[in-house]
PDB file of N, CA and C in Angstrom:
ATOM      1  N   MET A   1      33.435   5.124   9.562  1.00  0.00           N
ATOM      2  CA  MET A   1      32.480   4.716  11.013  1.00  0.00           C
ATOM      3  C   MET A   1      31.012   5.193  11.045  1.00  0.00           C
ATOM      4  N   ARG A   2      30.420   4.157  10.878  1.00  0.00           N
ATOM      5  CA  ARG A   2      28.597   4.825  10.405  1.00  0.00           C
ATOM      6  C   ARG A   2      28.416   5.717  11.859  1.00  0.00           C
ATOM      7  N   LYS A   3      27.647   6.514  11.479  1.00  0.00           N
ATOM      8  CA  LYS A   3      27.122   7.261  12.865  1.00  0.00           C
ATOM      9  C   LYS A   3      25.359   6.721  12.961  1.00  0.00           C
ATOM     10  N   ALA A   4      24.976   6.472  14.353  1.00  0.00           N
ATOM     11  CA  ALA A   4      23.439   5.477  14.458  1.00  0.00           C
ATOM     12  C   ALA A   4      22.591   6.233  14.255  1.00  0.00           C
ATOM     13  N   LEU A   5      21.515   6.331  13.616  1.00  0.00           N
ATOM     14  CA  LEU A   5      20.067   6.933  13.296  1.00  0.00           C
ATOM     15  C   LEU A   5      19.436   7.607  14.073  1.00  0.00           C
ATOM     16  N   PRO A   6      18.771   8.907  14.219  1.00  0.00           N
ATOM     17  CA  PRO A   6      18.009   8.958  15.639  1.00  0.00           C
ATOM     18  C   PRO A   6      16.735   7.956  15.666  1.00  0.00           C
ATOM     19  N   PRO A   7      16.334   7.943  16.644  1.00  0.00           N
ATOM     20  CA  PRO A   7      15.014   7.172  17.056  1.00  0.00           C
ATOM     21  C   PRO A   7      14.222   7.627  16.576  1.00  0.00           C
ATOM     22  N   LEU A   8      12.805   6.789  16.020  1.00  0.00           N
ATOM     23  CA  LEU A   8      11.876   7.049  14.921  1.00  0.00           C
ATOM     24  C   LEU A   8      11.015   7.452  16.130  1.00  0.00           C
ATOM     25  N   THR A   9      10.448   8.728  15.954  1.00  0.00           N
ATOM     26  CA  THR A   9       9.712   9.516  16.999  1.00  0.00           C
ATOM     27  C   THR A   9       8.068   9.937  15.849  1.00  0.00           C
ATOM     28  N   LYS A  10       7.298  10.055  16.559  1.00  0.00           N
ATOM     29  CA  LYS A  10       5.896  10.575  15.720  1.00  0.00           C
ATOM     30  C   LYS A  10       5.898  12.238  15.616  1.00  0.00           C
ATOM     31  N   GLY A  11       5.473  12.335  14.195  1.00  0.00           N
ATOM     32  CA  GLY A  11       5.562  14.115  14.063  1.00  0.00           C
ATOM     33  C   GLY A  11       4.741  14.239  13.015  1.00  0.00           C
ATOM     34  N   VAL A  12       5.121  15.430  12.525  1.00  0.00           N
ATOM     35  CA  VAL A  12       4.690  15.521  10.926  1.00  0.00           C
ATOM     36  C   VAL A  12       5.207  14.959  10.059  1.00  0.00           C
ATOM     37  N   ALA A  13       6.088  14.838  10.008  1.00  0.00           N
ATOM     38  CA  ALA A  13       7.115  14.343   8.833  1.00  0.00           C
ATOM     39  C   ALA A  13       6.509  12.977   8.524  1.00  0.00           C
ATOM     40  N   SER A  14       5.835  12.260  10.018  1.00  0.00           N
ATOM     41  CA  SER A  14       5.439  11.116   9.451  1.00  0.00           C
ATOM     42  C   SER A  14       3.927  10.837   9.556  1.00  0.00           C
ATOM     43  N   SER A  15       3.148  11.698   9.764  1.00  0.00           N
ATOM     44  CA  SER A  15       1.880  11.727   9.146  1.00  0.00           C
ATOM     45  C   SER A  15       1.753  12.080   7.813  1.00  0.00           C
ATOM     46  N   ARG A  16       2.386  13.063   7.262  1.00  0.00           N
ATOM     47  CA  ARG A  16       2.367  13.136   5.582  1.00  0.00           C
ATOM     48  C   ARG A  16       3.108  12.288   4.888  1.00  0.00           C
ATOM     49  N   LEU A  17       3.834  11.583   5.356  1.00  0.00           N
ATOM     50  CA  LEU A  17       4.526  10.520   4.602  1.00  0.00           C
ATOM     51  C   LEU A  17       3.663   9.558   4.587  1.00  0.00           C
ATOM     52  N   GLY A  18       2.880   9.291   5.392  1.00  0.00           N
ATOM     53  CA  GLY A  18       1.620   8.111   5.311  1.00  0.00           C
ATOM     54  C   GLY A  18       0.355   8.325   4.203  1.00  0.00           C
ATOM     55  N   THR A  19       0.638  10.001   4.374  1.00  0.00           N
ATOM     56  CA  THR A  19      -0.350  10.409   3.557  1.00  0.00           C
ATOM     57  C   THR A  19       0.027  10.558   1.869  1.00  0.00           C
ATOM     58  N   ILE A  20       1.127  10.669   1.838  1.00  0.00           N
ATOM     59  CA  ILE A  20       2.146  10.734   0.376  1.00  0.00           C
ATOM     60  C   ILE A  20       1.577   9.095   0.177  1.00  0.00           C
ATOM     61  N   ALA A  21       2.208   8.252   1.066  1.00  0.00           N
ATOM     62  CA  ALA A  21       1.827   6.842   0.396  1.00  0.00           C
ATOM     63  C   ALA A  21       0.923   6.854   0.184  1.00  0.00           C
ATOM     64  N   VAL A  22      -0.095   6.933   0.620  1.00  0.00           N
ATOM     65  CA  VAL A  22      -2.146   6.321   0.167  1.00  0.00           C
ATOM     66  C   VAL A  22      -2.245   6.998  -0.988  1.00  0.00           C
ATOM     67  N   ILE A  23      -2.080   8.122  -1.232  1.00  0.00           N
ATOM     68  CA  ILE A  23      -2.052   8.745  -2.449  1.00  0.00           C
ATOM     69  C   ILE A  23      -1.462   8.118  -3.690  1.00  0.00           C
ATOM     70  N   ALA A  24      -0.206   7.863  -3.534  1.00  0.00           N
ATOM     71  CA  ALA A  24       0.884   7.351  -4.474  1.00  0.00           C
ATOM     72  C   ALA A  24      -0.255   5.900  -5.047  1.00  0.00           C
ATOM     73  N   THR A  25      -0.487   5.081  -3.726  1.00  0.00           N
ATOM     74  CA  THR A  25      -0.895   3.919  -4.179  1.00  0.00           C
ATOM     75  C   THR A  25      -2.069   4.190  -4.766  1.00  0.00           C
ATOM     76  N   PHE A  26      -3.106   4.852  -4.896  1.00  0.00           N
ATOM     77  CA  PHE A  26      -4.584   5.074  -5.237  1.00  0.00           C
ATOM     78  C   PHE A  26      -3.922   5.203  -6.882  1.00  0.00           C
ATOM     79  N   GLY A  27      -3.098   6.194  -7.159  1.00  0.00           N
ATOM     80  CA  GLY A  27      -2.845   7.053  -8.125  1.00  0.00           C
ATOM     81  C   GLY A  27      -2.177   5.490  -9.148  1.00  0.00           C
ATOM     82  N   GLY A  28      -1.374   4.810  -8.313  1.00  0.00           N
ATOM     83  CA  GLY A  28      -1.092   4.049  -9.358  1.00  0.00           C
ATOM     84  C   GLY A  28      -2.326   2.487  -9.406  1.00  0.00           C
ATOM     85  N   LEU A  29      -3.141   2.739  -8.740  1.00  0.00           N
ATOM     86  CA  LEU A  29      -3.579   1.524  -8.673  1.00  0.00           C
ATOM     87  C   LEU A  29      -4.758   2.019  -9.840  1.00  0.00           C
ATOM     88  N   LEU A  30      -4.974   3.403  -9.874  1.00  0.00           N
ATOM     89  CA  LEU A  30      -6.239   3.547 -10.824  1.00  0.00           C
ATOM     90  C   LEU A  30      -5.266   3.604 -12.505  1.00  0.00           C
ATOM     91  N   PHE A  31      -4.122   4.089 -12.173  1.00  0.00           N
ATOM     92  CA  PHE A  31      -3.443   3.912 -13.790  1.00  0.00           C
ATOM     93  C   PHE A  31      -3.685   2.664 -14.335  1.00  0.00           C
ATOM     94  N   ARG A  32      -3.343   1.686 -13.308  1.00  0.00           N
ATOM     95  CA  ARG A  32      -2.995   0.255 -13.831  1.00  0.00           C
ATOM     96  C   ARG A  32      -4.619  -0.263 -14.069  1.00  0.00           C
ATOM     97  N   TYR A  33      -5.801   0.528 -13.712  1.00  0.00           N
ATOM     98  CA  TYR A  33      -6.879  -0.048 -13.787  1.00  0.00           C
ATOM     99  C   TYR A  33      -7.271   0.615 -15.574  1.00  0.00           C
ATOM    100  N   ASP A  34      -6.953   1.565 -15.674  1.00  0.00           N
ATOM    101  CA  ASP A  34      -6.979   2.811 -16.907  1.00  0.00           C
ATOM    102  C   ASP A  34      -6.828   1.656 -17.535  1.00  0.00           C
ATOM    103  N   THR A  35      -5.287   1.164 -17.558  1.00  0.00           N
ATOM    104  CA  THR A  35      -4.717   0.313 -18.789  1.00  0.00           C
ATOM    105  C   THR A  35      -5.292  -1.169 -19.010  1.00  0.00           C
ATOM    106  N   GLY A  36      -5.527  -1.264 -17.947  1.00  0.00           N
ATOM    107  CA  GLY A  36      -6.345  -2.401 -18.073  1.00  0.00           C
ATOM    108  C   GLY A  36      -8.182  -2.559 -18.947  1.00  0.00           C
ATOM    109  N   VAL A  37      -8.482  -1.768 -18.636  1.00  0.00           N
ATOM    110  CA  VAL A  37      -9.781  -1.391 -19.299  1.00  0.00           C
ATOM    111  C   VAL A  37      -9.465  -0.988 -20.800  1.00  0.00           C
ATOM    112  N   ILE A  38      -8.316  -0.592 -21.120  1.00  0.00           N
ATOM    113  CA  ILE A  38      -8.088   0.030 -22.568  1.00  0.00           C
ATOM    114  C   ILE A  38      -7.894  -1.490 -23.019  1.00  0.00           C
ATOM    115  N   ASN A  39      -6.795  -2.355 -22.498  1.00  0.00           N
ATOM    116  CA  ASN A  39      -6.642  -3.488 -23.050  1.00  0.00           C
ATOM    117  C   ASN A  39      -7.727  -4.453 -23.263  1.00  0.00           C
ATOM    118  N   GLY A  40      -8.729  -4.547 -22.435  1.00  0.00           N
ATOM    119  CA  GLY A  40      -9.970  -5.204 -22.270  1.00  0.00           C
ATOM    120  C   GLY A  40     -10.383  -4.861 -23.967  1.00  0.00           C
ATOM    121  N   ALA A  41     -10.435  -3.835 -23.808  1.00  0.00           N
ATOM    122  CA  ALA A  41     -11.476  -3.030 -25.297  1.00  0.00           C
ATOM    123  C   ALA A  41     -10.854  -3.136 -26.813  1.00  0.00           C
ATOM    124  N   LEU A  42      -9.327  -3.544 -26.668  1.00  0.00           N
ATOM    125  CA  LEU A  42      -8.700  -3.467 -27.816  1.00  0.00           C
ATOM    126  C   LEU A  42      -9.405  -4.014 -29.068  1.00  0.00           C
ATOM    127  N   ASP A  43      -9.823  -5.326 -28.670  1.00  0.00           N
ATOM    128  CA  ASP A  43     -10.116  -6.235 -30.020  1.00  0.00           C
ATOM    129  C   ASP A  43     -11.615  -5.372 -30.442  1.00  0.00           C
ATOM    130  N   SER A  44     -12.484  -5.694 -29.623  1.00  0.00           N
ATOM    131  CA  SER A  44     -13.796  -4.598 -30.001  1.00  0.00           C
ATOM    132  C   SER A  44     -13.472  -3.468 -30.399  1.00  0.00           C
ATOM    133  N   ARG A  45     -12.574  -2.925 -30.250  1.00  0.00           N
ATOM    134  CA  ARG A  45     -12.825  -1.094 -30.841  1.00  0.00           C
ATOM    135  C   ARG A  45     -12.174  -1.273 -32.448  1.00  0.00           C
ATOM    136  N   GLY A  46     -11.059  -1.967 -32.365  1.00  0.00           N
ATOM    137  CA  GLY A  46     -10.693  -1.918 -33.485  1.00  0.00           C
ATOM    138  C   GLY A  46     -11.412  -2.434 -34.394  1.00  0.00           C
ATOM    139  N   SER A  47     -12.347  -3.609 -34.527  1.00  0.00           N
ATOM    140  CA  SER A  47     -12.960  -4.270 -35.236  1.00  0.00           C
ATOM    141  C   SER A  47     -14.450  -3.587 -35.517  1.00  0.00           C
ATOM    142  N   SER A  48     -14.816  -2.980 -34.650  1.00  0.00           N
ATOM    143  CA  SER A  48     -15.940  -1.860 -34.774  1.00  0.00           C
ATOM    144  C   SER A  48     -15.501  -0.179 -35.539  1.00  0.00           C
ATOM    145  N   LEU A  49     -14.572   0.235 -35.112  1.00  0.00           N
ATOM    146  CA  LEU A  49     -13.984   1.405 -35.899  1.00  0.00           C
ATOM    147  C   LEU A  49     -12.999   1.010 -37.320  1.00  0.00           C
ATOM    148  N   GLY A  50     -13.046   0.116 -37.242  1.00  0.00           N
ATOM    149  CA  GLY A  50     -12.007  -0.240 -38.381  1.00  0.00           C
ATOM    150  C   GLY A  50     -10.751   0.561 -38.501  1.00  0.00           C
ATOM    151  N   LEU A  51      -9.782   0.138 -37.134  1.00  0.00           N
ATOM    152  CA  LEU A  51      -8.845   0.941 -37.017  1.00  0.00           C
ATOM    153  C   LEU A  51      -7.591  -0.146 -37.983  1.00  0.00           C
ATOM    154  N   THR A  52      -6.634   0.332 -38.714  1.00  0.00           N
ATOM    155  CA  THR A  52      -5.396  -0.341 -38.745  1.00  0.00           C
ATOM    156  C   THR A  52      -4.601  -0.176 -37.419  1.00  0.00           C
ATOM    157  N   PRO A  53      -3.687  -1.359 -37.542  1.00  0.00           N
ATOM    158  CA  PRO A  53      -2.726  -0.898 -36.321  1.00  0.00           C
ATOM    159  C   PRO A  53      -2.140  -0.310 -36.158  1.00  0.00           C
ATOM    160  N   ALA A  54      -1.986   0.520 -36.668  1.00  0.00           N
ATOM    161  CA  ALA A  54      -0.866   2.026 -36.559  1.00  0.00           C
ATOM    162  C   ALA A  54      -1.857   3.040 -36.011  1.00  0.00           C
ATOM    163  N   THR A  55      -3.154   3.000 -36.275  1.00  0.00           N
ATOM    164  CA  THR A  55      -4.165   4.089 -35.846  1.00  0.00           C
ATOM    165  C   THR A  55      -4.770   3.377 -34.260  1.00  0.00           C
ATOM    166  N   GLU A  56      -4.704   2.460 -34.430  1.00  0.00           N
ATOM    167  CA  GLU A  56      -4.974   1.469 -32.711  1.00  0.00           C
ATOM    168  C   GLU A  56      -3.978   1.677 -31.856  1.00  0.00           C
ATOM    169  N   GLY A  57      -2.244   1.645 -32.310  1.00  0.00           N
ATOM    170  CA  GLY A  57      -1.541   2.292 -31.240  1.00  0.00           C
ATOM    171  C   GLY A  57      -1.456   3.894 -31.020  1.00  0.00           C
ATOM    172  N   ILE A  58      -1.801   4.477 -31.875  1.00  0.00           N
ATOM    173  CA  ILE A  58      -1.928   5.886 -31.967  1.00  0.00           C
ATOM    174  C   ILE A  58      -3.215   6.290 -30.808  1.00  0.00           C
ATOM    175  N   LEU A  59      -4.359   5.424 -30.883  1.00  0.00           N
ATOM    176  CA  LEU A  59      -5.297   5.559 -29.769  1.00  0.00           C
ATOM    177  C   LEU A  59      -5.212   5.263 -28.556  1.00  0.00           C
ATOM    178  N   THR A  60      -4.704   4.245 -28.480  1.00  0.00           N
ATOM    179  CA  THR A  60      -4.243   3.448 -27.429  1.00  0.00           C
ATOM    180  C   THR A  60      -3.252   4.431 -26.426  1.00  0.00           C
ATOM    181  N   SER A  61      -2.168   5.008 -27.155  1.00  0.00           N
ATOM    182  CA  SER A  61      -0.816   5.581 -26.582  1.00  0.00           C
ATOM    183  C   SER A  61      -1.859   7.151 -25.970  1.00  0.00           C
ATOM    184  N   SER A  62      -2.977   7.679 -26.926  1.00  0.00           N
ATOM    185  CA  SER A  62      -3.461   9.053 -26.587  1.00  0.00           C
ATOM    186  C   SER A  62      -4.147   8.502 -25.500  1.00  0.00           C
ATOM    187  N   LEU A  63      -5.040   7.563 -25.184  1.00  0.00           N
ATOM    188  CA  LEU A  63      -5.542   7.190 -23.898  1.00  0.00           C
ATOM    189  C   LEU A  63      -4.963   7.287 -22.739  1.00  0.00           C
ATOM    190  N   LEU A  64      -3.541   6.394 -22.955  1.00  0.00           N
ATOM    191  CA  LEU A  64      -2.584   6.202 -21.471  1.00  0.00           C
ATOM    192  C   LEU A  64      -2.419   7.441 -21.174  1.00  0.00           C
ATOM    193  N   VAL A  65      -1.992   8.538 -22.200  1.00  0.00           N
ATOM    194  CA  VAL A  65      -1.397   9.923 -22.157  1.00  0.00           C
ATOM    195  C   VAL A  65      -2.459  10.647 -21.119  1.00  0.00           C
ATOM    196  N   GLY A  66      -3.479  10.469 -21.758  1.00  0.00           N
ATOM    197  CA  GLY A  66      -4.979  11.008 -20.706  1.00  0.00           C
ATOM    198  C   GLY A  66      -5.093  10.396 -19.342  1.00  0.00           C
ATOM    199  N   ALA A  67      -5.058   8.980 -19.272  1.00  0.00           N
ATOM    200  CA  ALA A  67      -4.955   8.197 -18.070  1.00  0.00           C
ATOM    201  C   ALA A  67      -3.715   8.671 -17.139  1.00  0.00           C
ATOM    202  N   ALA A  68      -2.619   9.114 -17.366  1.00  0.00           N
ATOM    203  CA  ALA A  68      -1.541   9.346 -16.488  1.00  0.00           C
ATOM    204  C   ALA A  68      -1.655  10.493 -15.715  1.00  0.00           C
ATOM    205  N   PRO A  69      -2.058  11.595 -16.451  1.00  0.00           N
ATOM    206  CA  PRO A  69      -2.902  12.946 -15.349  1.00  0.00           C
ATOM    207  C   PRO A  69      -3.873  12.721 -14.821  1.00  0.00           C
ATOM    208  N   GLY A  70      -4.781  12.061 -15.092  1.00  0.00           N
ATOM    209  CA  GLY A  70      -6.019  11.780 -14.668  1.00  0.00           C
ATOM    210  C   GLY A  70      -5.805  10.865 -13.136  1.00  0.00           C
ATOM    211  N   ALA A  71      -5.246   9.867 -12.912  1.00  0.00           N
ATOM    212  CA  ALA A  71      -4.879   8.881 -12.472  1.00  0.00           C
ATOM    213  C   ALA A  71      -4.034   9.894 -10.959  1.00  0.00           C
ATOM    214  N   PHE A  72      -3.055  10.881 -11.711  1.00  0.00           N
ATOM    215  CA  PHE A  72      -2.281  11.514 -10.774  1.00  0.00           C
ATOM    216  C   PHE A  72      -3.357  12.802  -9.947  1.00  0.00           C
ATOM    217  N   PHE A  73      -4.319  13.383 -10.218  1.00  0.00           N
ATOM    218  CA  PHE A  73      -5.068  13.600 -10.090  1.00  0.00           C
ATOM    219  C   PHE A  73      -6.097  13.572  -9.323  1.00  0.00           C
ATOM    220  N   ILE A  74      -6.619  12.528  -9.604  1.00  0.00           N
ATOM    221  CA  ILE A  74      -7.542  11.777  -8.679  1.00  0.00           C
ATOM    222  C   ILE A  74      -6.777  11.244  -7.098  1.00  0.00           C
ATOM    223  N   GLY A  75      -5.531  11.080  -7.446  1.00  0.00           N
ATOM    224  CA  GLY A  75      -5.076   9.927  -6.462  1.00  0.00           C
ATOM    225  C   GLY A  75      -4.238  11.491  -5.643  1.00  0.00           C
TER     226      GLY A  75
END
């Protein structure tokens, strides 16, 4: 048999949860923005730098690896 959940009350944990949710939302938005910018620049970057598909993939993945901690710390 299930126990009833305690009633929702305003407290320290509820305000922290809201803060954590806002920070996580901004971190996700920033990471998605970085991904979109990188995707939009693939064509011009590959032709101007003379990249092969392999080096273009390495460059793109390294940019995303840098964008993840940036979005985490900014968020």
